[in-house]
Amino acid sequence: KADMDIDCDGRPSARCNRTTDPWFQ
């Protein structure tokens, strides 16, 4: 039982990329 941080890593998309996510991998 914990918090939830958002993982946006993986294949880039309109919602998950280096612009939307400063931690993006």
mmCIF file of all heavy atoms, coordinates in Angstrom:
data_MODEL
# 
_entry.id   MODEL 
# 
loop_
_atom_site.group_PDB 
_atom_site.id 
_atom_site.type_symbol 
_atom_site.label_atom_id 
_atom_site.label_alt_id 
_atom_site.label_comp_id 
_atom_site.label_asym_id 
_atom_site.label_entity_id 
_atom_site.label_seq_id 
_atom_site.pdbx_PDB_ins_code 
_atom_site.Cartn_x 
_atom_site.Cartn_y 
_atom_site.Cartn_z 
_atom_site.occupancy 
_atom_site.B_iso_or_equiv 
_atom_site.pdbx_formal_charge 
_atom_site.auth_seq_id 
_atom_site.auth_comp_id 
_atom_site.auth_asym_id 
_atom_site.auth_atom_id 
_atom_site.pdbx_PDB_model_num 
ATOM 1   N N   . LYS A 1 1  ? 0.862  -1.177 0.000   1.00 0.00 ? 1  LYS A N   1 
ATOM 2   C CA  . LYS A 1 1  ? 0.000  0.000  0.000   1.00 0.00 ? 1  LYS A CA  1 
ATOM 3   C C   . LYS A 1 1  ? 0.900  1.229  0.000   1.00 0.00 ? 1  LYS A C   1 
ATOM 4   O O   . LYS A 1 1  ? 1.726  1.396  0.895   1.00 0.00 ? 1  LYS A O   1 
ATOM 5   C CB  . LYS A 1 1  ? -0.918 -0.016 1.223   1.00 0.00 ? 1  LYS A CB  1 
ATOM 6   C CG  . LYS A 1 1  ? -1.797 -1.277 1.257   1.00 0.00 ? 1  LYS A CG  1 
ATOM 7   C CD  . LYS A 1 1  ? -2.666 -1.352 2.499   1.00 0.00 ? 1  LYS A CD  1 
ATOM 8   C CE  . LYS A 1 1  ? -3.479 -2.642 2.512   1.00 0.00 ? 1  LYS A CE  1 
ATOM 9   N NZ  . LYS A 1 1  ? -4.383 -2.730 3.685   1.00 0.00 ? 1  LYS A NZ  1 
ATOM 10  N N   . ALA A 1 2  ? 0.732  2.063  -1.020  1.00 0.00 ? 2  ALA A N   1 
ATOM 11  C CA  . ALA A 1 2  ? 1.690  3.146  -1.235  1.00 0.00 ? 2  ALA A CA  1 
ATOM 12  C C   . ALA A 1 2  ? 1.032  4.311  -1.961  1.00 0.00 ? 2  ALA A C   1 
ATOM 13  O O   . ALA A 1 2  ? -0.197 4.403  -2.051  1.00 0.00 ? 2  ALA A O   1 
ATOM 14  C CB  . ALA A 1 2  ? 2.880  2.607  -2.035  1.00 0.00 ? 2  ALA A CB  1 
ATOM 15  N N   . ASP A 1 3  ? 1.872  5.187  -2.478  1.00 0.00 ? 3  ASP A N   1 
ATOM 16  C CA  . ASP A 1 3  ? 1.435  6.288  -3.324  1.00 0.00 ? 3  ASP A CA  1 
ATOM 17  C C   . ASP A 1 3  ? 1.392  5.802  -4.766  1.00 0.00 ? 3  ASP A C   1 
ATOM 18  O O   . ASP A 1 3  ? 1.574  4.607  -5.036  1.00 0.00 ? 3  ASP A O   1 
ATOM 19  C CB  . ASP A 1 3  ? 2.397  7.475  -3.178  1.00 0.00 ? 3  ASP A CB  1 
ATOM 20  C CG  . ASP A 1 3  ? 3.814  7.144  -3.687  1.00 0.00 ? 3  ASP A CG  1 
ATOM 21  O OD1 . ASP A 1 3  ? 4.157  5.928  -3.780  1.00 0.00 ? 3  ASP A OD1 1 
ATOM 22  O OD2 . ASP A 1 3  ? 4.554  8.075  -4.004  1.00 0.00 ? 3  ASP A OD2 1 
ATOM 23  N N   . MET A 1 4  ? 1.168  6.710  -5.701  1.00 0.00 ? 4  MET A N   1 
ATOM 24  C CA  . MET A 1 4  ? 1.363  6.383  -7.106  1.00 0.00 ? 4  MET A CA  1 
ATOM 25  C C   . MET A 1 4  ? 2.080  7.536  -7.801  1.00 0.00 ? 4  MET A C   1 
ATOM 26  O O   . MET A 1 4  ? 1.536  8.631  -7.925  1.00 0.00 ? 4  MET A O   1 
ATOM 27  C CB  . MET A 1 4  ? 0.056  6.092  -7.843  1.00 0.00 ? 4  MET A CB  1 
ATOM 28  C CG  . MET A 1 4  ? 0.302  5.711  -9.321  1.00 0.00 ? 4  MET A CG  1 
ATOM 29  S SD  . MET A 1 4  ? -1.183 5.394  -10.293 1.00 0.00 ? 4  MET A SD  1 
ATOM 30  C CE  . MET A 1 4  ? -1.641 3.766  -9.650  1.00 0.00 ? 4  MET A CE  1 
ATOM 31  N N   . ASP A 1 5  ? 3.315  7.274  -8.211  1.00 0.00 ? 5  ASP A N   1 
ATOM 32  C CA  . ASP A 1 5  ? 4.012  8.156  -9.135  1.00 0.00 ? 5  ASP A CA  1 
ATOM 33  C C   . ASP A 1 5  ? 3.683  7.680  -10.543 1.00 0.00 ? 5  ASP A C   1 
ATOM 34  O O   . ASP A 1 5  ? 3.326  6.512  -10.752 1.00 0.00 ? 5  ASP A O   1 
ATOM 35  C CB  . ASP A 1 5  ? 5.518  8.109  -8.893  1.00 0.00 ? 5  ASP A CB  1 
ATOM 36  C CG  . ASP A 1 5  ? 5.908  8.790  -7.586  1.00 0.00 ? 5  ASP A CG  1 
ATOM 37  O OD1 . ASP A 1 5  ? 5.181  9.711  -7.157  1.00 0.00 ? 5  ASP A OD1 1 
ATOM 38  O OD2 . ASP A 1 5  ? 6.938  8.406  -7.002  1.00 0.00 ? 5  ASP A OD2 1 
ATOM 39  N N   . ILE A 1 6  ? 3.819  8.571  -11.508 1.00 0.00 ? 6  ILE A N   1 
ATOM 40  C CA  . ILE A 1 6  ? 3.428  8.258  -12.883 1.00 0.00 ? 6  ILE A CA  1 
ATOM 41  C C   . ILE A 1 6  ? 4.650  7.905  -13.719 1.00 0.00 ? 6  ILE A C   1 
ATOM 42  O O   . ILE A 1 6  ? 5.575  8.701  -13.861 1.00 0.00 ? 6  ILE A O   1 
ATOM 43  C CB  . ILE A 1 6  ? 2.689  9.444  -13.536 1.00 0.00 ? 6  ILE A CB  1 
ATOM 44  C CG1 . ILE A 1 6  ? 1.528  9.913  -12.641 1.00 0.00 ? 6  ILE A CG1 1 
ATOM 45  C CG2 . ILE A 1 6  ? 2.188  9.058  -14.922 1.00 0.00 ? 6  ILE A CG2 1 
ATOM 46  C CD1 . ILE A 1 6  ? 0.501  8.854  -12.311 1.00 0.00 ? 6  ILE A CD1 1 
ATOM 47  N N   . ASP A 1 7  ? 4.641  6.693  -14.269 1.00 0.00 ? 7  ASP A N   1 
ATOM 48  C CA  . ASP A 1 7  ? 5.688  6.239  -15.179 1.00 0.00 ? 7  ASP A CA  1 
ATOM 49  C C   . ASP A 1 7  ? 5.241  6.576  -16.604 1.00 0.00 ? 7  ASP A C   1 
ATOM 50  O O   . ASP A 1 7  ? 4.217  6.077  -17.070 1.00 0.00 ? 7  ASP A O   1 
ATOM 51  C CB  . ASP A 1 7  ? 5.891  4.732  -15.030 1.00 0.00 ? 7  ASP A CB  1 
ATOM 52  C CG  . ASP A 1 7  ? 7.081  4.219  -15.839 1.00 0.00 ? 7  ASP A CG  1 
ATOM 53  O OD1 . ASP A 1 7  ? 7.529  4.927  -16.749 1.00 0.00 ? 7  ASP A OD1 1 
ATOM 54  O OD2 . ASP A 1 7  ? 7.538  3.100  -15.565 1.00 0.00 ? 7  ASP A OD2 1 
ATOM 55  N N   . CYS A 1 8  ? 6.000  7.429  -17.274 1.00 0.00 ? 8  CYS A N   1 
ATOM 56  C CA  . CYS A 1 8  ? 5.706  7.806  -18.663 1.00 0.00 ? 8  CYS A CA  1 
ATOM 57  C C   . CYS A 1 8  ? 6.800  7.304  -19.597 1.00 0.00 ? 8  CYS A C   1 
ATOM 58  O O   . CYS A 1 8  ? 6.924  7.767  -20.736 1.00 0.00 ? 8  CYS A O   1 
ATOM 59  C CB  . CYS A 1 8  ? 5.567  9.327  -18.774 1.00 0.00 ? 8  CYS A CB  1 
ATOM 60  S SG  . CYS A 1 8  ? 4.059  9.872  -19.628 1.00 0.00 ? 8  CYS A SG  1 
ATOM 61  N N   . ASP A 1 9  ? 7.614  6.361  -19.122 1.00 0.00 ? 9  ASP A N   1 
ATOM 62  C CA  . ASP A 1 9  ? 8.735  5.864  -19.916 1.00 0.00 ? 9  ASP A CA  1 
ATOM 63  C C   . ASP A 1 9  ? 8.264  4.912  -21.012 1.00 0.00 ? 9  ASP A C   1 
ATOM 64  O O   . ASP A 1 9  ? 7.118  4.468  -21.041 1.00 0.00 ? 9  ASP A O   1 
ATOM 65  C CB  . ASP A 1 9  ? 9.742  5.146  -19.019 1.00 0.00 ? 9  ASP A CB  1 
ATOM 66  C CG  . ASP A 1 9  ? 10.428 6.094  -18.052 1.00 0.00 ? 9  ASP A CG  1 
ATOM 67  O OD1 . ASP A 1 9  ? 10.427 7.311  -18.319 1.00 0.00 ? 9  ASP A OD1 1 
ATOM 68  O OD2 . ASP A 1 9  ? 10.957 5.625  -17.026 1.00 0.00 ? 9  ASP A OD2 1 
ATOM 69  N N   . GLY A 1 10 ? 9.197  4.584  -21.894 1.00 0.00 ? 10 GLY A N   1 
ATOM 70  C CA  . GLY A 1 10 ? 8.912  3.629  -22.949 1.00 0.00 ? 10 GLY A CA  1 
ATOM 71  C C   . GLY A 1 10 ? 8.742  4.304  -24.288 1.00 0.00 ? 10 GLY A C   1 
ATOM 72  O O   . GLY A 1 10 ? 9.336  5.351  -24.563 1.00 0.00 ? 10 GLY A O   1 
ATOM 73  N N   . ARG A 1 11 ? 7.920  3.682  -25.134 1.00 0.00 ? 11 ARG A N   1 
ATOM 74  C CA  . ARG A 1 11 ? 7.741  4.207  -26.484 1.00 0.00 ? 11 ARG A CA  1 
ATOM 75  C C   . ARG A 1 11 ? 7.133  5.608  -26.452 1.00 0.00 ? 11 ARG A C   1 
ATOM 76  O O   . ARG A 1 11 ? 6.091  5.815  -25.826 1.00 0.00 ? 11 ARG A O   1 
ATOM 77  C CB  . ARG A 1 11 ? 6.833  3.257  -27.269 1.00 0.00 ? 11 ARG A CB  1 
ATOM 78  C CG  . ARG A 1 11 ? 6.885  3.455  -28.764 1.00 0.00 ? 11 ARG A CG  1 
ATOM 79  C CD  . ARG A 1 11 ? 6.333  2.250  -29.506 1.00 0.00 ? 11 ARG A CD  1 
ATOM 80  N NE  . ARG A 1 11 ? 4.892  2.160  -29.445 1.00 0.00 ? 11 ARG A NE  1 
ATOM 81  C CZ  . ARG A 1 11 ? 4.245  1.220  -28.756 1.00 0.00 ? 11 ARG A CZ  1 
ATOM 82  N NH1 . ARG A 1 11 ? 4.917  0.313  -28.065 1.00 0.00 ? 11 ARG A NH1 1 
ATOM 83  N NH2 . ARG A 1 11 ? 2.936  1.184  -28.759 1.00 0.00 ? 11 ARG A NH2 1 
ATOM 84  N N   . PRO A 1 12 ? 7.767  6.584  -27.074 1.00 0.00 ? 12 PRO A N   1 
ATOM 85  C CA  . PRO A 1 12 ? 7.247  7.950  -27.021 1.00 0.00 ? 12 PRO A CA  1 
ATOM 86  C C   . PRO A 1 12 ? 5.856  8.067  -27.635 1.00 0.00 ? 12 PRO A C   1 
ATOM 87  O O   . PRO A 1 12 ? 5.505  7.352  -28.575 1.00 0.00 ? 12 PRO A O   1 
ATOM 88  C CB  . PRO A 1 12 ? 8.275  8.749  -27.836 1.00 0.00 ? 12 PRO A CB  1 
ATOM 89  C CG  . PRO A 1 12 ? 9.505  7.911  -27.836 1.00 0.00 ? 12 PRO A CG  1 
ATOM 90  C CD  . PRO A 1 12 ? 9.033  6.487  -27.813 1.00 0.00 ? 12 PRO A CD  1 
ATOM 91  N N   . SER A 1 13 ? 5.069  8.987  -27.084 1.00 0.00 ? 13 SER A N   1 
ATOM 92  C CA  . SER A 1 13 ? 3.723  9.249  -27.587 1.00 0.00 ? 13 SER A CA  1 
ATOM 93  C C   . SER A 1 13 ? 3.413  10.719 -27.353 1.00 0.00 ? 13 SER A C   1 
ATOM 94  O O   . SER A 1 13 ? 4.226  11.460 -26.788 1.00 0.00 ? 13 SER A O   1 
ATOM 95  C CB  . SER A 1 13 ? 2.703  8.374  -26.846 1.00 0.00 ? 13 SER A CB  1 
ATOM 96  O OG  . SER A 1 13 ? 2.622  8.773  -25.483 1.00 0.00 ? 13 SER A OG  1 
ATOM 97  N N   . ALA A 1 14 ? 2.221  11.143 -27.748 1.00 0.00 ? 14 ALA A N   1 
ATOM 98  C CA  . ALA A 1 14 ? 1.832  12.537 -27.540 1.00 0.00 ? 14 ALA A CA  1 
ATOM 99  C C   . ALA A 1 14 ? 1.777  12.886 -26.062 1.00 0.00 ? 14 ALA A C   1 
ATOM 100 O O   . ALA A 1 14 ? 1.986  14.042 -25.681 1.00 0.00 ? 14 ALA A O   1 
ATOM 101 C CB  . ALA A 1 14 ? 0.476  12.793 -28.195 1.00 0.00 ? 14 ALA A CB  1 
ATOM 102 N N   . ARG A 1 15 ? 1.513  11.906 -25.217 1.00 0.00 ? 15 ARG A N   1 
ATOM 103 C CA  . ARG A 1 15 ? 1.373  12.165 -23.785 1.00 0.00 ? 15 ARG A CA  1 
ATOM 104 C C   . ARG A 1 15 ? 2.636  11.850 -22.991 1.00 0.00 ? 15 ARG A C   1 
ATOM 105 O O   . ARG A 1 15 ? 2.791  12.341 -21.875 1.00 0.00 ? 15 ARG A O   1 
ATOM 106 C CB  . ARG A 1 15 ? 0.193  11.360 -23.232 1.00 0.00 ? 15 ARG A CB  1 
ATOM 107 C CG  . ARG A 1 15 ? -1.114 11.760 -23.898 1.00 0.00 ? 15 ARG A CG  1 
ATOM 108 C CD  . ARG A 1 15 ? -2.297 10.989 -23.343 1.00 0.00 ? 15 ARG A CD  1 
ATOM 109 N NE  . ARG A 1 15 ? -3.501 11.403 -24.038 1.00 0.00 ? 15 ARG A NE  1 
ATOM 110 C CZ  . ARG A 1 15 ? -3.961 10.850 -25.155 1.00 0.00 ? 15 ARG A CZ  1 
ATOM 111 N NH1 . ARG A 1 15 ? -3.320 9.836  -25.693 1.00 0.00 ? 15 ARG A NH1 1 
ATOM 112 N NH2 . ARG A 1 15 ? -5.061 11.284 -25.728 1.00 0.00 ? 15 ARG A NH2 1 
ATOM 113 N N   . CYS A 1 16 ? 3.495  11.019 -23.522 1.00 0.00 ? 16 CYS A N   1 
ATOM 114 C CA  . CYS A 1 16 ? 4.722  10.633 -22.826 1.00 0.00 ? 16 CYS A CA  1 
ATOM 115 C C   . CYS A 1 16 ? 5.922  10.850 -23.743 1.00 0.00 ? 16 CYS A C   1 
ATOM 116 O O   . CYS A 1 16 ? 6.156  10.062 -24.668 1.00 0.00 ? 16 CYS A O   1 
ATOM 117 C CB  . CYS A 1 16 ? 4.651  9.171  -22.394 1.00 0.00 ? 16 CYS A CB  1 
ATOM 118 S SG  . CYS A 1 16 ? 3.442  8.827  -21.099 1.00 0.00 ? 16 CYS A SG  1 
ATOM 119 N N   . ASN A 1 17 ? 6.659  11.918 -23.478 1.00 0.00 ? 17 ASN A N   1 
ATOM 120 C CA  . ASN A 1 17 ? 7.826  12.245 -24.289 1.00 0.00 ? 17 ASN A CA  1 
ATOM 121 C C   . ASN A 1 17 ? 8.708  13.198 -23.490 1.00 0.00 ? 17 ASN A C   1 
ATOM 122 O O   . ASN A 1 17 ? 8.388  13.547 -22.345 1.00 0.00 ? 17 ASN A O   1 
ATOM 123 C CB  . ASN A 1 17 ? 7.405  12.840 -25.633 1.00 0.00 ? 17 ASN A CB  1 
ATOM 124 C CG  . ASN A 1 17 ? 6.502  14.047 -25.463 1.00 0.00 ? 17 ASN A CG  1 
ATOM 125 O OD1 . ASN A 1 17 ? 6.922  15.076 -24.920 1.00 0.00 ? 17 ASN A OD1 1 
ATOM 126 N ND2 . ASN A 1 17 ? 5.253  13.948 -25.911 1.00 0.00 ? 17 ASN A ND2 1 
ATOM 127 N N   . ARG A 1 18 ? 9.802  13.627 -24.066 1.00 0.00 ? 18 ARG A N   1 
ATOM 128 C CA  . ARG A 1 18 ? 10.751 14.476 -23.340 1.00 0.00 ? 18 ARG A CA  1 
ATOM 129 C C   . ARG A 1 18 ? 10.200 15.858 -23.034 1.00 0.00 ? 18 ARG A C   1 
ATOM 130 O O   . ARG A 1 18 ? 10.691 16.537 -22.121 1.00 0.00 ? 18 ARG A O   1 
ATOM 131 C CB  . ARG A 1 18 ? 12.056 14.600 -24.141 1.00 0.00 ? 18 ARG A CB  1 
ATOM 132 C CG  . ARG A 1 18 ? 12.789 13.276 -24.285 1.00 0.00 ? 18 ARG A CG  1 
ATOM 133 C CD  . ARG A 1 18 ? 14.168 13.463 -24.886 1.00 0.00 ? 18 ARG A CD  1 
ATOM 134 N NE  . ARG A 1 18 ? 14.777 12.181 -25.205 1.00 0.00 ? 18 ARG A NE  1 
ATOM 135 C CZ  . ARG A 1 18 ? 15.360 11.383 -24.325 1.00 0.00 ? 18 ARG A CZ  1 
ATOM 136 N NH1 . ARG A 1 18 ? 15.413 11.736 -23.049 1.00 0.00 ? 18 ARG A NH1 1 
ATOM 137 N NH2 . ARG A 1 18 ? 15.885 10.229 -24.700 1.00 0.00 ? 18 ARG A NH2 1 
ATOM 138 N N   . THR A 1 19 ? 9.164  16.288 -23.755 1.00 0.00 ? 19 THR A N   1 
ATOM 139 C CA  . THR A 1 19 ? 8.552  17.585 -23.485 1.00 0.00 ? 19 THR A CA  1 
ATOM 140 C C   . THR A 1 19 ? 7.576  17.503 -22.320 1.00 0.00 ? 19 THR A C   1 
ATOM 141 O O   . THR A 1 19 ? 7.550  18.376 -21.451 1.00 0.00 ? 19 THR A O   1 
ATOM 142 C CB  . THR A 1 19 ? 7.820  18.107 -24.736 1.00 0.00 ? 19 THR A CB  1 
ATOM 143 O OG1 . THR A 1 19 ? 8.761  18.271 -25.794 1.00 0.00 ? 19 THR A OG1 1 
ATOM 144 C CG2 . THR A 1 19 ? 7.148  19.449 -24.450 1.00 0.00 ? 19 THR A CG2 1 
ATOM 145 N N   . THR A 1 20 ? 6.777  16.448 -22.280 1.00 0.00 ? 20 THR A N   1 
ATOM 146 C CA  . THR A 1 20 ? 5.769  16.320 -21.233 1.00 0.00 ? 20 THR A CA  1 
ATOM 147 C C   . THR A 1 20 ? 6.335  15.790 -19.920 1.00 0.00 ? 20 THR A C   1 
ATOM 148 O O   . THR A 1 20 ? 5.726  15.971 -18.866 1.00 0.00 ? 20 THR A O   1 
ATOM 149 C CB  . THR A 1 20 ? 4.631  15.380 -21.683 1.00 0.00 ? 20 THR A CB  1 
ATOM 150 O OG1 . THR A 1 20 ? 5.170  14.065 -21.913 1.00 0.00 ? 20 THR A OG1 1 
ATOM 151 C CG2 . THR A 1 20 ? 3.968  15.896 -22.947 1.00 0.00 ? 20 THR A CG2 1 
ATOM 152 N N   . ASP A 1 21 ? 7.499  15.121 -19.993 1.00 0.00 ? 21 ASP A N   1 
ATOM 153 C CA  . ASP A 1 21 ? 8.046  14.443 -18.818 1.00 0.00 ? 21 ASP A CA  1 
ATOM 154 C C   . ASP A 1 21 ? 9.547  14.707 -18.692 1.00 0.00 ? 21 ASP A C   1 
ATOM 155 O O   . ASP A 1 21 ? 10.344 14.183 -19.476 1.00 0.00 ? 21 ASP A O   1 
ATOM 156 C CB  . ASP A 1 21 ? 7.790  12.941 -18.939 1.00 0.00 ? 21 ASP A CB  1 
ATOM 157 C CG  . ASP A 1 21 ? 8.330  12.145 -17.763 1.00 0.00 ? 21 ASP A CG  1 
ATOM 158 O OD1 . ASP A 1 21 ? 8.816  12.756 -16.789 1.00 0.00 ? 21 ASP A OD1 1 
ATOM 159 O OD2 . ASP A 1 21 ? 8.260  10.910 -17.813 1.00 0.00 ? 21 ASP A OD2 1 
ATOM 160 N N   . PRO A 1 22 ? 9.972  15.517 -17.709 1.00 0.00 ? 22 PRO A N   1 
ATOM 161 C CA  . PRO A 1 22 ? 11.405 15.816 -17.559 1.00 0.00 ? 22 PRO A CA  1 
ATOM 162 C C   . PRO A 1 22 ? 12.248 14.609 -17.173 1.00 0.00 ? 22 PRO A C   1 
ATOM 163 O O   . PRO A 1 22 ? 13.475 14.648 -17.277 1.00 0.00 ? 22 PRO A O   1 
ATOM 164 C CB  . PRO A 1 22 ? 11.432 16.884 -16.466 1.00 0.00 ? 22 PRO A CB  1 
ATOM 165 C CG  . PRO A 1 22 ? 10.159 16.710 -15.712 1.00 0.00 ? 22 PRO A CG  1 
ATOM 166 C CD  . PRO A 1 22 ? 9.152  16.231 -16.713 1.00 0.00 ? 22 PRO A CD  1 
ATOM 167 N N   . TRP A 1 23 ? 11.607 13.507 -16.722 1.00 0.00 ? 23 TRP A N   1 
ATOM 168 C CA  . TRP A 1 23 ? 12.335 12.296 -16.349 1.00 0.00 ? 23 TRP A CA  1 
ATOM 169 C C   . TRP A 1 23 ? 12.257 11.223 -17.437 1.00 0.00 ? 23 TRP A C   1 
ATOM 170 O O   . TRP A 1 23 ? 12.634 10.081 -17.215 1.00 0.00 ? 23 TRP A O   1 
ATOM 171 C CB  . TRP A 1 23 ? 11.781 11.724 -15.052 1.00 0.00 ? 23 TRP A CB  1 
ATOM 172 C CG  . TRP A 1 23 ? 11.821 12.665 -13.893 1.00 0.00 ? 23 TRP A CG  1 
ATOM 173 C CD1 . TRP A 1 23 ? 12.886 12.947 -13.080 1.00 0.00 ? 23 TRP A CD1 1 
ATOM 174 C CD2 . TRP A 1 23 ? 10.742 13.478 -13.424 1.00 0.00 ? 23 TRP A CD2 1 
ATOM 175 N NE1 . TRP A 1 23 ? 12.529 13.865 -12.134 1.00 0.00 ? 23 TRP A NE1 1 
ATOM 176 C CE2 . TRP A 1 23 ? 11.224 14.222 -12.307 1.00 0.00 ? 23 TRP A CE2 1 
ATOM 177 C CE3 . TRP A 1 23 ? 9.415  13.656 -13.814 1.00 0.00 ? 23 TRP A CE3 1 
ATOM 178 C CZ2 . TRP A 1 23 ? 10.427 15.116 -11.592 1.00 0.00 ? 23 TRP A CZ2 1 
ATOM 179 C CZ3 . TRP A 1 23 ? 8.617  14.555 -13.111 1.00 0.00 ? 23 TRP A CZ3 1 
ATOM 180 C CH2 . TRP A 1 23 ? 9.132  15.271 -12.012 1.00 0.00 ? 23 TRP A CH2 1 
ATOM 181 N N   . PHE A 1 24 ? 11.720 11.566 -18.593 1.00 0.00 ? 24 PHE A N   1 
ATOM 182 C CA  . PHE A 1 24 ? 11.407 10.570 -19.622 1.00 0.00 ? 24 PHE A CA  1 
ATOM 183 C C   . PHE A 1 24 ? 12.614 9.743  -20.040 1.00 0.00 ? 24 PHE A C   1 
ATOM 184 O O   . PHE A 1 24 ? 13.701 10.261 -20.269 1.00 0.00 ? 24 PHE A O   1 
ATOM 185 C CB  . PHE A 1 24 ? 10.829 11.267 -20.862 1.00 0.00 ? 24 PHE A CB  1 
ATOM 186 C CG  . PHE A 1 24 ? 10.506 10.321 -21.985 1.00 0.00 ? 24 PHE A CG  1 
ATOM 187 C CD1 . PHE A 1 24 ? 9.363  9.541  -21.927 1.00 0.00 ? 24 PHE A CD1 1 
ATOM 188 C CD2 . PHE A 1 24 ? 11.352 10.193 -23.075 1.00 0.00 ? 24 PHE A CD2 1 
ATOM 189 C CE1 . PHE A 1 24 ? 9.057  8.654  -22.956 1.00 0.00 ? 24 PHE A CE1 1 
ATOM 190 C CE2 . PHE A 1 24 ? 11.062 9.314  -24.103 1.00 0.00 ? 24 PHE A CE2 1 
ATOM 191 C CZ  . PHE A 1 24 ? 9.910  8.544  -24.044 1.00 0.00 ? 24 PHE A CZ  1 
ATOM 192 N N   . GLN A 1 25 ? 12.387 8.426  -20.124 1.00 0.00 ? 25 GLN A N   1 
ATOM 193 C CA  . GLN A 1 25 ? 13.373 7.491  -20.675 1.00 0.00 ? 25 GLN A CA  1 
ATOM 194 C C   . GLN A 1 25 ? 12.667 6.698  -21.773 1.00 0.00 ? 25 GLN A C   1 
ATOM 195 O O   . GLN A 1 25 ? 11.539 6.234  -21.572 1.00 0.00 ? 25 GLN A O   1 
ATOM 196 C CB  . GLN A 1 25 ? 13.891 6.537  -19.599 1.00 0.00 ? 25 GLN A CB  1 
ATOM 197 C CG  . GLN A 1 25 ? 14.632 7.224  -18.464 1.00 0.00 ? 25 GLN A CG  1 
ATOM 198 C CD  . GLN A 1 25 ? 15.938 7.845  -18.929 1.00 0.00 ? 25 GLN A CD  1 
ATOM 199 O OE1 . GLN A 1 25 ? 16.595 7.314  -19.818 1.00 0.00 ? 25 GLN A OE1 1 
ATOM 200 N NE2 . GLN A 1 25 ? 16.311 8.975  -18.335 1.00 0.00 ? 25 GLN A NE2 1 
# 
